[in-house]
PDB file of N, CA and C in Angstrom:
ATOM      1  N   UNK A   1       1.366  -1.236   0.429  1.00  0.00           N
ATOM      2  CA  UNK A   1       0.026  -0.378  -0.210  1.00  0.00           C
ATOM      3  C   UNK A   1       0.279   1.024   0.018  1.00  0.00           C
ATOM      4  N   UNK A   2       0.621   2.781  -0.909  1.00  0.00           N
ATOM      5  CA  UNK A   2       1.040   3.069  -0.777  1.00  0.00           C
ATOM      6  C   UNK A   2       1.302   4.025  -0.711  1.00  0.00           C
ATOM      7  N   UNK A   3       0.846   5.045   0.497  1.00  0.00           N
ATOM      8  CA  UNK A   3       0.418   6.122   1.003  1.00  0.00           C
ATOM      9  C   UNK A   3       1.045   7.817   0.909  1.00  0.00           C
ATOM     10  N   UNK A   4       0.150   8.272   0.023  1.00  0.00           N
ATOM     11  CA  UNK A   4       1.398  10.298   0.296  1.00  0.00           C
ATOM     12  C   UNK A   4      -0.310  11.056   0.567  1.00  0.00           C
ATOM     13  N   UNK A   5       0.490  12.290   1.229  1.00  0.00           N
ATOM     14  CA  UNK A   5       0.113  12.749   1.621  1.00  0.00           C
ATOM     15  C   UNK A   5      -0.046  14.223   1.343  1.00  0.00           C
ATOM     16  N   UNK A   6      -1.120  15.181   1.409  1.00  0.00           N
ATOM     17  CA  UNK A   6      -1.440  15.887  -0.010  1.00  0.00           C
ATOM     18  C   UNK A   6      -1.776  17.498   0.544  1.00  0.00           C
ATOM     19  N   UNK A   7      -0.686  18.175   0.534  1.00  0.00           N
ATOM     20  CA  UNK A   7      -0.530  19.218   0.951  1.00  0.00           C
ATOM     21  C   UNK A   7      -2.091  20.267   0.047  1.00  0.00           C
ATOM     22  N   UNK A   8      -2.657  21.037   0.274  1.00  0.00           N
ATOM     23  CA  UNK A   8      -4.096  21.383  -0.887  1.00  0.00           C
ATOM     24  C   UNK A   8      -4.565  23.028  -0.567  1.00  0.00           C
ATOM     25  N   UNK A   9      -4.430  23.557  -0.693  1.00  0.00           N
ATOM     26  CA  UNK A   9      -4.629  25.180  -0.816  1.00  0.00           C
ATOM     27  C   UNK A   9      -5.604  25.110  -1.465  1.00  0.00           C
ATOM     28  N   UNK A  10      -7.538  26.037  -0.775  1.00  0.00           N
ATOM     29  CA  UNK A  10      -8.467  26.042  -1.444  1.00  0.00           C
ATOM     30  C   UNK A  10      -9.202  28.082  -1.666  1.00  0.00           C
ATOM     31  N   UNK A  11      -9.378  27.769  -2.902  1.00  0.00           N
ATOM     32  CA  UNK A  11     -10.604  29.258  -2.171  1.00  0.00           C
ATOM     33  C   UNK A  11     -10.982  29.237  -0.383  1.00  0.00           C
ATOM     34  N   UNK A  12     -10.727  30.698  -0.407  1.00  0.00           N
ATOM     35  CA  UNK A  12     -11.352  30.459   1.479  1.00  0.00           C
ATOM     36  C   UNK A  12     -12.392  30.594   1.613  1.00  0.00           C
ATOM     37  N   UNK A  13     -13.355  30.896   0.375  1.00  0.00           N
ATOM     38  CA  UNK A  13     -14.989  30.651   0.918  1.00  0.00           C
ATOM     39  C   UNK A  13     -15.545  29.521   0.763  1.00  0.00           C
ATOM     40  N   UNK A  14     -14.300  28.435   0.514  1.00  0.00           N
ATOM     41  CA  UNK A  14     -15.154  27.347  -0.024  1.00  0.00           C
ATOM     42  C   UNK A  14     -14.143  25.783   0.359  1.00  0.00           C
ATOM     43  N   UNK A  15     -13.620  25.834   1.232  1.00  0.00           N
ATOM     44  CA  UNK A  15     -12.715  24.408   2.005  1.00  0.00           C
ATOM     45  C   UNK A  15     -14.157  23.995   3.129  1.00  0.00           C
ATOM     46  N   UNK A  16     -14.672  23.678   3.036  1.00  0.00           N
ATOM     47  CA  UNK A  16     -15.909  22.272   3.575  1.00  0.00           C
ATOM     48  C   UNK A  16     -16.175  22.145   2.315  1.00  0.00           C
ATOM     49  N   UNK A  17     -16.642  22.358   1.851  1.00  0.00           N
ATOM     50  CA  UNK A  17     -17.373  21.841   1.001  1.00  0.00           C
ATOM     51  C   UNK A  17     -15.989  21.049  -0.303  1.00  0.00           C
ATOM     52  N   UNK A  18     -14.737  21.513  -0.762  1.00  0.00           N
ATOM     53  CA  UNK A  18     -13.457  21.148  -0.720  1.00  0.00           C
ATOM     54  C   UNK A  18     -13.347  19.678   0.211  1.00  0.00           C
ATOM     55  N   UNK A  19     -13.232  19.909   1.064  1.00  0.00           N
ATOM     56  CA  UNK A  19     -12.689  18.548   2.239  1.00  0.00           C
ATOM     57  C   UNK A  19     -13.825  17.809   1.251  1.00  0.00           C
ATOM     58  N   UNK A  20     -14.880  18.113   1.603  1.00  0.00           N
ATOM     59  CA  UNK A  20     -16.504  16.835   1.501  1.00  0.00           C
ATOM     60  C   UNK A  20     -15.890  16.395   0.107  1.00  0.00           C
ATOM     61  N   UNK A  21     -16.023  17.307  -0.887  1.00  0.00           N
ATOM     62  CA  UNK A  21     -15.927  16.320  -2.266  1.00  0.00           C
ATOM     63  C   UNK A  21     -14.545  15.556  -2.171  1.00  0.00           C
ATOM     64  N   UNK A  22     -13.258  16.037  -1.520  1.00  0.00           N
ATOM     65  CA  UNK A  22     -12.067  15.371  -1.823  1.00  0.00           C
ATOM     66  C   UNK A  22     -12.316  14.285  -1.329  1.00  0.00           C
ATOM     67  N   UNK A  23     -12.585  14.319   0.743  1.00  0.00           N
ATOM     68  CA  UNK A  23     -12.873  13.215   1.284  1.00  0.00           C
ATOM     69  C   UNK A  23     -14.584  11.829   0.665  1.00  0.00           C
ATOM     70  N   UNK A  24     -14.688  12.375  -0.771  1.00  0.00           N
ATOM     71  CA  UNK A  24     -15.802  10.819  -1.479  1.00  0.00           C
ATOM     72  C   UNK A  24     -14.975  10.080  -2.758  1.00  0.00           C
ATOM     73  N   UNK A  25     -13.742  10.581  -2.416  1.00  0.00           N
ATOM     74  CA  UNK A  25     -12.281   9.938  -4.184  1.00  0.00           C
ATOM     75  C   UNK A  25     -12.169   8.664  -3.099  1.00  0.00           C
ATOM     76  N   UNK A  26     -12.639   8.186  -4.738  1.00  0.00           N
ATOM     77  CA  UNK A  26     -11.534   6.511  -4.577  1.00  0.00           C
ATOM     78  C   UNK A  26     -10.258   7.097  -3.682  1.00  0.00           C
ATOM     79  N   UNK A  27      -9.456   6.302  -2.823  1.00  0.00           N
ATOM     80  CA  UNK A  27      -8.711   6.494  -2.342  1.00  0.00           C
ATOM     81  C   UNK A  27      -6.932   7.465  -1.935  1.00  0.00           C
ATOM     82  N   UNK A  28      -8.576   8.281  -1.320  1.00  0.00           N
ATOM     83  CA  UNK A  28      -8.825   9.758  -0.446  1.00  0.00           C
ATOM     84  C   UNK A  28      -9.592   8.853   1.104  1.00  0.00           C
ATOM     85  N   UNK A  29      -8.827   8.594   1.617  1.00  0.00           N
ATOM     86  CA  UNK A  29      -9.173   7.799   3.027  1.00  0.00           C
ATOM     87  C   UNK A  29      -9.110   9.031   4.563  1.00  0.00           C
ATOM     88  N   UNK A  30      -8.418  10.003   4.087  1.00  0.00           N
ATOM     89  CA  UNK A  30      -8.937  11.203   5.828  1.00  0.00           C
ATOM     90  C   UNK A  30      -8.530  12.104   5.036  1.00  0.00           C
ATOM     91  N   UNK A  31      -9.326  12.880   5.088  1.00  0.00           N
ATOM     92  CA  UNK A  31      -9.555  14.293   4.960  1.00  0.00           C
ATOM     93  C   UNK A  31      -9.140  15.100   6.552  1.00  0.00           C
ATOM     94  N   UNK A  32      -8.124  16.514   6.090  1.00  0.00           N
ATOM     95  CA  UNK A  32      -8.037  17.098   7.400  1.00  0.00           C
ATOM     96  C   UNK A  32      -8.035  18.720   7.609  1.00  0.00           C
ATOM     97  N   UNK A  33      -8.331  19.259   7.603  1.00  0.00           N
ATOM     98  CA  UNK A  33      -8.747  21.336   8.108  1.00  0.00           C
ATOM     99  C   UNK A  33      -6.976  21.167   8.646  1.00  0.00           C
ATOM    100  N   UNK A  34      -6.106  22.007   8.563  1.00  0.00           N
ATOM    101  CA  UNK A  34      -5.566  22.387   9.162  1.00  0.00           C
ATOM    102  C   UNK A  34      -5.244  24.216   9.565  1.00  0.00           C
ATOM    103  N   UNK A  35      -4.482  24.470   9.816  1.00  0.00           N
ATOM    104  CA  UNK A  35      -4.055  26.075  10.854  1.00  0.00           C
ATOM    105  C   UNK A  35      -2.208  25.974   9.997  1.00  0.00           C
ATOM    106  N   UNK A  36      -1.681  27.157   9.445  1.00  0.00           N
ATOM    107  CA  UNK A  36      -1.139  27.006   8.852  1.00  0.00           C
ATOM    108  C   UNK A  36      -0.635  27.752   7.079  1.00  0.00           C
ATOM    109  N   UNK A  37       0.421  27.223   6.257  1.00  0.00           N
ATOM    110  CA  UNK A  37       0.146  26.780   5.270  1.00  0.00           C
ATOM    111  C   UNK A  37      -0.427  27.349   4.185  1.00  0.00           C
ATOM    112  N   UNK A  38      -1.496  25.497   4.308  1.00  0.00           N
ATOM    113  CA  UNK A  38      -2.011  24.601   4.064  1.00  0.00           C
ATOM    114  C   UNK A  38      -3.589  24.971   4.451  1.00  0.00           C
ATOM    115  N   UNK A  39      -4.277  24.656   3.400  1.00  0.00           N
ATOM    116  CA  UNK A  39      -6.112  24.262   3.914  1.00  0.00           C
ATOM    117  C   UNK A  39      -6.201  23.253   4.601  1.00  0.00           C
ATOM    118  N   UNK A  40      -5.961  22.512   3.345  1.00  0.00           N
ATOM    119  CA  UNK A  40      -6.158  20.835   3.811  1.00  0.00           C
ATOM    120  C   UNK A  40      -5.373  19.743   3.571  1.00  0.00           C
ATOM    121  N   UNK A  41      -5.493  18.912   4.783  1.00  0.00           N
ATOM    122  CA  UNK A  41      -4.383  17.509   4.166  1.00  0.00           C
ATOM    123  C   UNK A  41      -4.988  16.936   3.801  1.00  0.00           C
ATOM    124  N   UNK A  42      -4.978  15.870   2.954  1.00  0.00           N
ATOM    125  CA  UNK A  42      -5.204  14.570   2.538  1.00  0.00           C
ATOM    126  C   UNK A  42      -4.185  13.263   2.544  1.00  0.00           C
ATOM    127  N   UNK A  43      -4.891  12.675   2.586  1.00  0.00           N
ATOM    128  CA  UNK A  43      -4.394  10.930   3.129  1.00  0.00           C
ATOM    129  C   UNK A  43      -5.091  10.293   1.823  1.00  0.00           C
ATOM    130  N   UNK A  44      -3.795   9.962   0.993  1.00  0.00           N
ATOM    131  CA  UNK A  44      -4.092   8.635  -0.232  1.00  0.00           C
ATOM    132  C   UNK A  44      -3.604   7.727   0.419  1.00  0.00           C
ATOM    133  N   UNK A  45      -4.813   6.852   0.291  1.00  0.00           N
ATOM    134  CA  UNK A  45      -3.759   4.964  -0.394  1.00  0.00           C
ATOM    135  C   UNK A  45      -4.431   4.002  -0.789  1.00  0.00           C
ATOM    136  N   UNK A  46      -2.813   3.984  -2.048  1.00  0.00           N
ATOM    137  CA  UNK A  46      -3.475   3.544  -3.486  1.00  0.00           C
ATOM    138  C   UNK A  46      -2.573   2.167  -3.144  1.00  0.00           C
ATOM    139  N   UNK A  47      -2.730   1.518  -4.765  1.00  0.00           N
ATOM    140  CA  UNK A  47      -1.982   0.195  -4.546  1.00  0.00           C
ATOM    141  C   UNK A  47      -0.829  -0.135  -4.868  1.00  0.00           C
ATOM    142  N   UNK A  48      -0.453   0.941  -6.593  1.00  0.00           N
ATOM    143  CA  UNK A  48       0.455   1.593  -6.888  1.00  0.00           C
ATOM    144  C   UNK A  48       0.823   2.614  -7.646  1.00  0.00           C
ATOM    145  N   UNK A  49       1.595   3.158  -7.809  1.00  0.00           N
ATOM    146  CA  UNK A  49       1.906   4.645  -7.760  1.00  0.00           C
ATOM    147  C   UNK A  49       1.219   5.459  -9.008  1.00  0.00           C
ATOM    148  N   UNK A  50       1.363   4.251 -10.056  1.00  0.00           N
ATOM    149  CA  UNK A  50       0.800   5.124 -10.630  1.00  0.00           C
ATOM    150  C   UNK A  50      -0.951   5.806 -10.091  1.00  0.00           C
ATOM    151  N   UNK A  51      -1.241   4.558  -9.268  1.00  0.00           N
ATOM    152  CA  UNK A  51      -2.972   5.040  -8.994  1.00  0.00           C
ATOM    153  C   UNK A  51      -3.202   6.428  -8.921  1.00  0.00           C
ATOM    154  N   UNK A  52      -1.398   7.033  -8.150  1.00  0.00           N
ATOM    155  CA  UNK A  52      -2.088   8.395  -7.791  1.00  0.00           C
ATOM    156  C   UNK A  52      -1.961   9.608  -8.519  1.00  0.00           C
ATOM    157  N   UNK A  53      -1.727   9.214  -9.812  1.00  0.00           N
ATOM    158  CA  UNK A  53      -1.916  10.044 -11.063  1.00  0.00           C
ATOM    159  C   UNK A  53      -3.516   9.924 -11.210  1.00  0.00           C
ATOM    160  N   UNK A  54      -4.011   9.075 -11.206  1.00  0.00           N
ATOM    161  CA  UNK A  54      -5.419   9.452 -10.808  1.00  0.00           C
ATOM    162  C   UNK A  54      -6.068   9.639 -10.060  1.00  0.00           C
ATOM    163  N   UNK A  55      -5.473   9.575  -8.585  1.00  0.00           N
ATOM    164  CA  UNK A  55      -6.633   9.929  -7.627  1.00  0.00           C
ATOM    165  C   UNK A  55      -6.039  11.741  -7.556  1.00  0.00           C
ATOM    166  N   UNK A  56      -5.053  11.692  -7.852  1.00  0.00           N
ATOM    167  CA  UNK A  56      -4.527  12.931  -7.124  1.00  0.00           C
ATOM    168  C   UNK A  56      -5.211  14.714  -9.011  1.00  0.00           C
ATOM    169  N   UNK A  57      -3.757  14.048  -9.601  1.00  0.00           N
ATOM    170  CA  UNK A  57      -4.096  14.747 -11.160  1.00  0.00           C
ATOM    171  C   UNK A  57      -4.768  14.554 -11.120  1.00  0.00           C
ATOM    172  N   UNK A  58      -6.041  13.523 -11.402  1.00  0.00           N
ATOM    173  CA  UNK A  58      -7.316  13.418 -12.574  1.00  0.00           C
ATOM    174  C   UNK A  58      -8.283  13.760 -11.653  1.00  0.00           C
ATOM    175  N   UNK A  59      -8.044  14.164 -10.484  1.00  0.00           N
ATOM    176  CA  UNK A  59      -9.286  14.199  -9.719  1.00  0.00           C
ATOM    177  C   UNK A  59      -9.196  15.032  -8.660  1.00  0.00           C
ATOM    178  N   UNK A  60      -9.020  14.504  -7.398  1.00  0.00           N
ATOM    179  CA  UNK A  60      -8.495  15.917  -7.030  1.00  0.00           C
ATOM    180  C   UNK A  60      -8.103  17.319  -7.523  1.00  0.00           C
ATOM    181  N   UNK A  61      -7.113  17.087  -8.138  1.00  0.00           N
ATOM    182  CA  UNK A  61      -6.970  18.976  -8.657  1.00  0.00           C
ATOM    183  C   UNK A  61      -7.874  19.673  -9.192  1.00  0.00           C
ATOM    184  N   UNK A  62      -8.957  18.170  -9.632  1.00  0.00           N
ATOM    185  CA  UNK A  62     -10.328  18.998 -10.607  1.00  0.00           C
ATOM    186  C   UNK A  62     -11.594  19.247  -9.184  1.00  0.00           C
ATOM    187  N   UNK A  63     -10.828  19.048  -9.145  1.00  0.00           N
ATOM    188  CA  UNK A  63     -12.870  19.813  -7.544  1.00  0.00           C
ATOM    189  C   UNK A  63     -12.819  21.013  -7.878  1.00  0.00           C
ATOM    190  N   UNK A  64     -13.427  21.350  -8.194  1.00  0.00           N
ATOM    191  CA  UNK A  64     -14.074  23.213  -7.888  1.00  0.00           C
ATOM    192  C   UNK A  64     -13.248  23.669  -6.182  1.00  0.00           C
ATOM    193  N   UNK A  65     -12.652  24.971  -6.322  1.00  0.00           N
ATOM    194  CA  UNK A  65     -12.044  25.482  -5.993  1.00  0.00           C
ATOM    195  C   UNK A  65     -10.992  25.395  -5.128  1.00  0.00           C
ATOM    196  N   UNK A  66     -10.142  23.825  -5.380  1.00  0.00           N
ATOM    197  CA  UNK A  66      -8.675  23.442  -5.036  1.00  0.00           C
ATOM    198  C   UNK A  66      -7.888  24.522  -5.720  1.00  0.00           C
ATOM    199  N   UNK A  67      -6.679  24.982  -5.296  1.00  0.00           N
ATOM    200  CA  UNK A  67      -5.903  26.314  -6.541  1.00  0.00           C
ATOM    201  C   UNK A  67      -4.988  25.335  -6.090  1.00  0.00           C
ATOM    202  N   UNK A  68      -4.195  24.461  -6.028  1.00  0.00           N
ATOM    203  CA  UNK A  68      -3.132  24.350  -4.786  1.00  0.00           C
ATOM    204  C   UNK A  68      -2.720  23.596  -4.342  1.00  0.00           C
ATOM    205  N   UNK A  69      -2.021  21.837  -5.305  1.00  0.00           N
ATOM    206  CA  UNK A  69      -1.188  20.942  -4.547  1.00  0.00           C
ATOM    207  C   UNK A  69      -0.096  21.116  -4.151  1.00  0.00           C
ATOM    208  N   UNK A  70       0.433  19.558  -3.250  1.00  0.00           N
ATOM    209  CA  UNK A  70       1.699  19.453  -2.729  1.00  0.00           C
ATOM    210  C   UNK A  70       2.266  17.766  -1.995  1.00  0.00           C
ATOM    211  N   UNK A  71       1.982  16.861  -2.940  1.00  0.00           N
ATOM    212  CA  UNK A  71       2.239  16.014  -2.784  1.00  0.00           C
ATOM    213  C   UNK A  71       3.447  15.031  -2.252  1.00  0.00           C
ATOM    214  N   UNK A  72       3.040  14.486  -1.088  1.00  0.00           N
ATOM    215  CA  UNK A  72       3.829  13.999   0.130  1.00  0.00           C
ATOM    216  C   UNK A  72       4.566  12.560  -0.289  1.00  0.00           C
ATOM    217  N   UNK A  73       5.214  11.356  -0.856  1.00  0.00           N
ATOM    218  CA  UNK A  73       4.891   9.574  -0.189  1.00  0.00           C
ATOM    219  C   UNK A  73       5.922   9.542   0.549  1.00  0.00           C
ATOM    220  N   UNK A  74       4.710   8.968   1.723  1.00  0.00           N
ATOM    221  CA  UNK A  74       5.613   8.372   2.644  1.00  0.00           C
ATOM    222  C   UNK A  74       6.732   6.877   1.809  1.00  0.00           C
ATOM    223  N   UNK A  75       7.709   7.299   2.500  1.00  0.00           N
ATOM    224  CA  UNK A  75       8.227   5.489   2.486  1.00  0.00           C
ATOM    225  C   UNK A  75       7.682   4.617   3.180  1.00  0.00           C
ATOM    226  N   UNK A  76       7.774   5.416   4.355  1.00  0.00           N
ATOM    227  CA  UNK A  76       7.574   4.251   5.449  1.00  0.00           C
ATOM    228  C   UNK A  76       7.063   4.780   6.681  1.00  0.00           C
ATOM    229  N   UNK A  77       6.579   3.855   7.621  1.00  0.00           N
ATOM    230  CA  UNK A  77       5.723   4.447   8.847  1.00  0.00           C
ATOM    231  C   UNK A  77       6.580   3.595  10.360  1.00  0.00           C
ATOM    232  N   UNK A  78       6.263   4.958  10.624  1.00  0.00           N
ATOM    233  CA  UNK A  78       6.807   4.773  12.282  1.00  0.00           C
ATOM    234  C   UNK A  78       5.409   5.087  13.374  1.00  0.00           C
ATOM    235  N   UNK A  79       4.818   4.385  13.969  1.00  0.00           N
ATOM    236  CA  UNK A  79       3.696   4.758  14.990  1.00  0.00           C
ATOM    237  C   UNK A  79       3.947   4.219  16.207  1.00  0.00           C
ATOM    238  N   UNK A  80       4.105   4.598  17.703  1.00  0.00           N
ATOM    239  CA  UNK A  80       4.410   3.078  19.066  1.00  0.00           C
ATOM    240  C   UNK A  80       3.534   2.381  18.830  1.00  0.00           C
ATOM    241  N   UNK A  81       2.468   2.184  18.031  1.00  0.00           N
ATOM    242  CA  UNK A  81       1.870  -0.021  17.589  1.00  0.00           C
ATOM    243  C   UNK A  81       2.911   0.175  17.081  1.00  0.00           C
ATOM    244  N   UNK A  82       3.211  -0.028  16.028  1.00  0.00           N
ATOM    245  CA  UNK A  82       4.287  -0.541  15.179  1.00  0.00           C
ATOM    246  C   UNK A  82       5.941  -0.483  15.952  1.00  0.00           C
ATOM    247  N   UNK A  83       6.772  -0.015  17.175  1.00  0.00           N
ATOM    248  CA  UNK A  83       7.123  -0.238  17.439  1.00  0.00           C
ATOM    249  C   UNK A  83       7.135  -0.538  18.959  1.00  0.00           C
ATOM    250  N   UNK A  84       6.230  -1.440  19.014  1.00  0.00           N
ATOM    251  CA  UNK A  84       6.043  -1.589  20.353  1.00  0.00           C
ATOM    252  C   UNK A  84       6.096  -3.694  19.570  1.00  0.00           C
ATOM    253  N   UNK A  85       5.324  -3.802  18.821  1.00  0.00           N
ATOM    254  CA  UNK A  85       5.326  -4.862  18.235  1.00  0.00           C
ATOM    255  C   UNK A  85       6.893  -5.525  17.395  1.00  0.00           C
ATOM    256  N   UNK A  86       7.242  -4.195  17.003  1.00  0.00           N
ATOM    257  CA  UNK A  86       9.354  -4.921  16.632  1.00  0.00           C
ATOM    258  C   UNK A  86       9.654  -5.190  18.063  1.00  0.00           C
ATOM    259  N   UNK A  87       9.261  -4.658  18.817  1.00  0.00           N
ATOM    260  CA  UNK A  87      10.143  -5.046  20.168  1.00  0.00           C
ATOM    261  C   UNK A  87       9.168  -5.785  21.214  1.00  0.00           C
ATOM    262  N   UNK A  88       8.750  -5.886  21.333  1.00  0.00           N
ATOM    263  CA  UNK A  88       7.548  -6.910  21.976  1.00  0.00           C
ATOM    264  C   UNK A  88       8.254  -8.352  21.962  1.00  0.00           C
ATOM    265  N   UNK A  89       8.676  -8.829  22.920  1.00  0.00           N
ATOM    266  CA  UNK A  89       8.573 -10.123  22.954  1.00  0.00           C
ATOM    267  C   UNK A  89       7.255 -11.372  23.166  1.00  0.00           C
ATOM    268  N   UNK A  90       6.570 -11.136  23.006  1.00  0.00           N
ATOM    269  CA  UNK A  90       5.273 -12.230  22.419  1.00  0.00           C
ATOM    270  C   UNK A  90       4.864 -12.314  24.421  1.00  0.00           C
ATOM    271  N   UNK A  91       5.618 -11.046  25.774  1.00  0.00           N
ATOM    272  CA  UNK A  91       5.365 -11.530  26.773  1.00  0.00           C
ATOM    273  C   UNK A  91       4.262 -10.730  27.541  1.00  0.00           C
ATOM    274  N   UNK A  92       3.171 -11.107  28.007  1.00  0.00           N
ATOM    275  CA  UNK A  92       2.249 -10.166  28.516  1.00  0.00           C
ATOM    276  C   UNK A  92       2.659  -9.586  30.118  1.00  0.00           C
TER     277      UNK A  92
END
């Protein structure tokens, strides 16, 4: 599974509508409204790199109100859950 984080700029008056439309795209698992330089961050999860082009370039970037995107592909996930499993001896 390939995970990508998409930073999204929208027209100021369409943030909630853009978030809703983006969340309905197949391949988008989550959309967050955020503070800072970007209006939204979407999490894309797809099986193949080529699928990112369909999800991001052909669908997400064409949502009315989206003005700019920047995509960051994840190489590896680190979470406390993953680290606990990696170092667990199986003892409770």
